[in-house]
Amino acid sequence: MAIGFRVLPRERCVDAGMVERFKAIPVANISDSMARMSAGGPRLRPMHAGDKLTGIALTVKTRPGDNLMVHKALSMAAPGDVIVVDAGGDLTNAIIGELMAAMAIKRQVAGFVIDGAIRDVGAIQAGHLPVYAAGVTHRGPYKDGPGEINVPISLDGMIVNPGDLICGDEDGVVCVPFDEVQTLYQLAKAKHDAEQGQMEAIAAGRDDRSWVEATLARTGCEIRL
C-alpha cells in the first residue's frame, strides 16, 4: 500500500436531499449546534462573489504547493462534490486558479475549500463558484505529488472525512460529519427558527433582555452606576 500517494474510493456520502435541506441554514447556526467546537479556521475566507457552499466532501491531502492530486480529484468529482484540500496551510504556491475553476464549473462541482493559496483571484472573485482559501499568491503550483484522495484530512483542527457535508457562507466553513448529519440538521434548524423569532421580537420591541441582569447577578458581577 502506497501510503502518502494513493487514490481511494469514497465509501459513503451524505444524500442529496439532506444537502438541499442544509442550504437554508446559516453556517453560524450549524456551528452553534456543534457546541462552537468545529471550524475550518479564520484563514479560510470566501474568495468568490458570495454564493453559499453546500456539498459532499471529496478530500485531498497534498504536498504543500503541489496540485497533482487536486487535478486527479477534479477528474473524479461528481456533480455536487466539494473538493476539500489539506495543503498544509502553506501560501507559497497556488493550488488552483482560473483554469481549474472553469473545469470545476464544467463538471458541476459545488466548490473548493483549500487550506492553502489560490491565484487568478480577480476572476474567481467575479464568479459564483464557491472557493474558500487561506490566501493568495501569483506563484503557480508544482504537479509531481505525492498526495492522497479520499482520506481523512484536517483543516486547522477540523476533521473532514470523505462523504461528509461541507457548508460555507460569508462567516467561513464548517464540516458536518456523516454520522451526525440528521441530528445536526434538526438542531441547526431549531436554532435558526428561534433566531428568526428573536429577530421578529426585536423589530416589535418585545425582545426579553432580563437574562443579562440575571446572569450578572448569578456570576457575582459588581455593578456601580
Protein backbone atom coordinates (compact mmCIF):
# COMPACT_ATOMS: atom_id res chain seq x y z
CA MET A 1 0.00 0.00 0.00
CA ALA A 2 1.47 3.34 -1.10
CA ILE A 3 0.62 5.39 1.99
CA GLY A 4 1.06 9.04 1.12
CA PHE A 5 0.49 8.56 -2.61
CA ARG A 6 -2.80 6.85 -3.33
CA VAL A 7 -6.34 7.31 -4.64
CA LEU A 8 -9.08 5.58 -2.68
CA PRO A 9 -12.82 5.14 -3.30
CA ARG A 10 -15.36 7.12 -1.31
CA GLU A 11 -17.37 4.53 0.56
CA ARG A 12 -20.31 6.65 1.71
CA CYS A 13 -21.69 10.18 1.41
CA VAL A 14 -24.50 12.37 2.66
CA ASP A 15 -27.61 12.04 0.49
CA ALA A 16 -28.63 14.82 -1.89
CA GLY A 17 -31.87 15.54 -0.03
CA MET A 18 -30.03 16.37 3.16
CA VAL A 19 -27.57 18.56 1.26
CA GLU A 20 -30.53 20.53 -0.10
CA ARG A 21 -32.06 21.00 3.37
CA PHE A 22 -28.85 22.48 4.77
CA LYS A 23 -28.77 25.18 2.09
CA ALA A 24 -31.27 27.21 4.14
CA ILE A 25 -29.22 27.04 7.37
CA PRO A 26 -26.52 29.67 8.12
CA VAL A 27 -23.08 28.31 9.00
CA ALA A 28 -23.23 30.14 12.35
CA ASN A 29 -26.33 28.18 13.35
CA ILE A 30 -24.67 24.90 12.37
CA SER A 31 -21.55 25.87 14.32
CA ASP A 32 -23.54 26.80 17.43
CA SER A 33 -25.31 23.44 17.24
CA MET A 34 -21.89 21.74 17.33
CA ALA A 35 -21.07 23.48 20.64
CA ARG A 36 -18.88 26.00 18.78
CA MET A 37 -16.13 23.37 18.69
CA SER A 38 -15.71 22.83 14.94
CA ALA A 39 -14.36 25.30 12.38
CA GLY A 40 -12.05 25.33 9.39
CA GLY A 41 -10.12 28.24 10.86
CA PRO A 42 -10.41 32.01 10.39
CA ARG A 43 -7.95 31.99 7.48
CA LEU A 44 -10.40 30.12 5.24
CA ARG A 45 -12.22 33.03 3.63
CA PRO A 46 -14.64 33.16 0.69
CA MET A 47 -12.79 34.29 -2.44
CA HIS A 48 -15.83 34.26 -4.74
CA ALA A 49 -18.83 36.52 -5.33
CA GLY A 50 -20.73 35.31 -2.28
CA ASP A 51 -22.78 32.24 -3.21
CA LYS A 52 -23.29 29.76 -0.36
CA LEU A 53 -21.41 26.46 -0.44
CA THR A 54 -23.20 23.21 0.36
CA GLY A 55 -21.99 19.82 -0.88
CA ILE A 56 -20.29 16.50 -0.29
CA ALA A 57 -16.61 16.30 0.64
CA LEU A 58 -14.14 14.82 -1.81
CA THR A 59 -10.97 15.05 0.26
CA VAL A 60 -7.41 15.65 -0.93
CA LYS A 61 -4.22 15.66 1.12
CA THR A 62 -1.34 17.06 -0.88
CA ARG A 63 2.24 18.15 -0.51
CA PRO A 64 2.23 21.92 0.11
CA GLY A 65 2.42 23.78 -3.18
CA ASP A 66 1.60 20.76 -5.37
CA ASN A 67 -1.75 20.22 -7.10
CA LEU A 68 -1.31 16.93 -9.00
CA MET A 69 -3.83 15.16 -6.75
CA VAL A 70 -6.23 18.11 -6.92
CA HIS A 71 -6.28 17.65 -10.70
CA LYS A 72 -6.98 13.95 -10.19
CA ALA A 73 -9.78 14.75 -7.74
CA LEU A 74 -11.27 17.19 -10.25
CA SER A 75 -11.38 14.44 -12.87
CA MET A 76 -13.13 12.15 -10.34
CA ALA A 77 -15.60 14.67 -8.92
CA ALA A 78 -19.33 14.13 -9.28
CA PRO A 79 -21.83 16.99 -9.55
CA GLY A 80 -22.35 18.47 -6.10
CA ASP A 81 -18.96 17.45 -4.72
CA VAL A 82 -16.81 19.89 -2.75
CA ILE A 83 -13.08 19.37 -3.31
CA VAL A 84 -11.57 19.88 0.14
CA VAL A 85 -7.78 20.21 0.11
CA ASP A 86 -5.37 19.92 3.02
CA ALA A 87 -2.34 21.68 1.55
CA GLY A 88 -0.77 22.22 4.94
CA GLY A 89 -1.85 25.85 5.11
CA ASP A 90 1.17 26.82 3.01
CA LEU A 91 0.78 30.02 0.97
CA THR A 92 3.94 29.78 -1.13
CA ASN A 93 2.30 28.34 -4.26
CA ALA A 94 -1.27 28.50 -5.52
CA ILE A 95 -3.20 25.22 -5.55
CA ILE A 96 -5.87 26.34 -8.05
CA GLY A 97 -6.56 29.26 -10.34
CA GLU A 98 -8.97 30.39 -13.04
CA LEU A 99 -8.43 27.38 -15.31
CA MET A 100 -9.23 24.81 -12.62
CA ALA A 101 -12.20 26.87 -11.51
CA ALA A 102 -13.52 26.74 -15.08
CA MET A 103 -13.03 22.97 -15.17
CA ALA A 104 -14.91 22.65 -11.87
CA ILE A 105 -17.85 24.68 -13.18
CA LYS A 106 -17.98 22.48 -16.29
CA ARG A 107 -18.11 19.37 -14.09
CA GLN A 108 -20.78 20.92 -11.80
CA VAL A 109 -18.51 20.77 -8.78
CA ALA A 110 -20.12 22.58 -5.83
CA GLY A 111 -16.90 24.36 -4.86
CA PHE A 112 -13.41 24.25 -3.38
CA VAL A 113 -12.13 24.53 0.18
CA ILE A 114 -8.35 24.89 0.20
CA ASP A 115 -6.10 25.12 3.25
CA GLY A 116 -3.54 26.81 1.04
CA ALA A 117 -3.37 29.56 -1.56
CA ILE A 118 -5.11 30.33 -4.85
CA ARG A 119 -4.32 32.67 -7.74
CA ASP A 120 -6.25 34.47 -10.52
CA VAL A 121 -8.23 35.90 -7.65
CA GLY A 122 -9.83 38.61 -9.78
CA ALA A 123 -11.55 36.05 -11.99
CA ILE A 124 -12.58 33.93 -9.01
CA GLN A 125 -13.95 36.95 -7.14
CA ALA A 126 -16.02 37.85 -10.19
CA GLY A 127 -17.50 34.36 -10.41
CA HIS A 128 -20.06 32.39 -8.45
CA LEU A 129 -18.19 29.11 -7.94
CA PRO A 130 -17.67 28.94 -4.16
CA VAL A 131 -13.95 28.99 -3.38
CA TYR A 132 -12.61 29.22 0.16
CA ALA A 133 -8.87 29.54 0.66
CA ALA A 134 -6.29 30.68 3.19
CA GLY A 135 -4.54 33.20 0.94
CA VAL A 136 -3.50 34.39 -2.49
CA THR A 137 -0.22 34.22 -4.43
CA HIS A 138 0.70 34.59 -8.09
CA ARG A 139 3.22 31.72 -7.85
CA GLY A 140 1.94 28.60 -9.57
CA PRO A 141 1.90 25.03 -8.26
CA TYR A 142 4.11 22.03 -8.84
CA LYS A 143 2.49 18.92 -10.33
CA ASP A 144 4.52 15.97 -9.12
CA GLY A 145 2.73 14.72 -5.98
CA PRO A 146 2.64 12.94 -3.66
CA GLY A 147 -0.79 13.14 -2.15
CA GLU A 148 -3.89 11.17 -1.24
CA ILE A 149 -7.55 11.27 -2.26
CA ASN A 150 -10.49 10.20 -0.08
CA VAL A 151 -8.59 10.00 3.19
CA PRO A 152 -9.38 11.81 6.46
CA ILE A 153 -7.88 15.31 6.49
CA SER A 154 -7.65 18.16 8.97
CA LEU A 155 -8.15 21.86 8.27
CA ASP A 156 -6.85 23.84 11.23
CA GLY A 157 -8.09 21.10 13.57
CA MET A 158 -11.42 20.47 11.81
CA ILE A 159 -11.55 16.82 10.72
CA VAL A 160 -13.10 16.14 7.32
CA ASN A 161 -13.83 12.63 6.13
CA PRO A 162 -14.79 11.67 2.57
CA GLY A 163 -18.56 11.97 2.15
CA ASP A 164 -19.10 14.44 5.00
CA LEU A 165 -21.26 17.52 4.43
CA ILE A 166 -19.43 20.81 3.81
CA CYS A 167 -21.21 24.13 4.38
CA GLY A 168 -19.80 27.59 3.81
CA ASP A 169 -21.02 31.18 3.74
CA GLU A 170 -19.62 34.63 4.46
CA ASP A 171 -18.69 33.54 8.01
CA GLY A 172 -16.49 30.63 6.93
CA VAL A 173 -16.64 26.85 6.53
CA VAL A 174 -17.90 24.02 8.72
CA CYS A 175 -17.91 20.24 8.23
CA VAL A 176 -20.92 18.22 9.37
CA PRO A 177 -19.84 14.60 9.99
CA PHE A 178 -21.73 11.95 8.04
CA ASP A 179 -22.88 10.12 11.20
CA GLU A 180 -24.27 13.29 12.78
CA VAL A 181 -25.94 14.99 9.83
CA GLN A 182 -29.54 14.08 10.70
CA THR A 183 -29.25 15.18 14.33
CA LEU A 184 -27.37 18.35 13.46
CA TYR A 185 -29.93 19.35 10.87
CA GLN A 186 -32.69 19.21 13.46
CA LEU A 187 -30.62 21.17 15.99
CA ALA A 188 -29.45 23.78 13.49
CA LYS A 189 -32.93 24.27 12.04
CA ALA A 190 -34.36 24.76 15.52
CA LYS A 191 -31.61 27.29 16.27
CA HIS A 192 -32.29 29.13 13.03
CA ASP A 193 -36.05 29.19 13.63
CA ALA A 194 -35.53 30.51 17.17
CA GLU A 195 -33.29 33.31 15.90
CA GLN A 196 -35.86 34.26 13.28
CA GLY A 197 -38.42 34.55 16.08
CA GLN A 198 -35.98 36.67 18.08
CA MET A 199 -35.47 39.00 15.11
CA GLU A 200 -39.23 39.48 14.92
CA ALA A 201 -39.35 40.24 18.65
CA ILE A 202 -36.55 42.82 18.29
CA ALA A 203 -38.37 44.52 15.44
CA ALA A 204 -41.56 44.65 17.54
CA GLY A 205 -39.78 45.90 20.67
CA ARG A 206 -40.59 42.71 22.57
CA ASP A 207 -37.06 41.30 23.00
CA ASP A 208 -36.58 39.97 26.55
CA ARG A 209 -33.21 41.15 27.93
CA SER A 210 -33.79 40.02 31.52
CA TRP A 211 -31.28 37.22 31.09
CA VAL A 212 -28.42 39.78 31.08
CA GLU A 213 -29.16 41.03 34.59
CA ALA A 214 -29.86 37.51 35.81
CA THR A 215 -26.50 36.29 34.50
CA LEU A 216 -24.61 39.22 36.04
CA ALA A 217 -26.25 38.52 39.39
CA ARG A 218 -25.57 34.78 39.19
CA THR A 219 -21.89 35.30 38.35
CA GLY A 220 -21.30 37.87 41.09
CA CYS A 221 -20.57 40.90 38.92
CA GLU A 222 -20.04 44.14 40.86
CA ILE A 223 -22.06 46.96 39.31
CA ARG A 224 -21.58 50.62 40.24
CA LEU A 225 -23.88 53.06 38.48
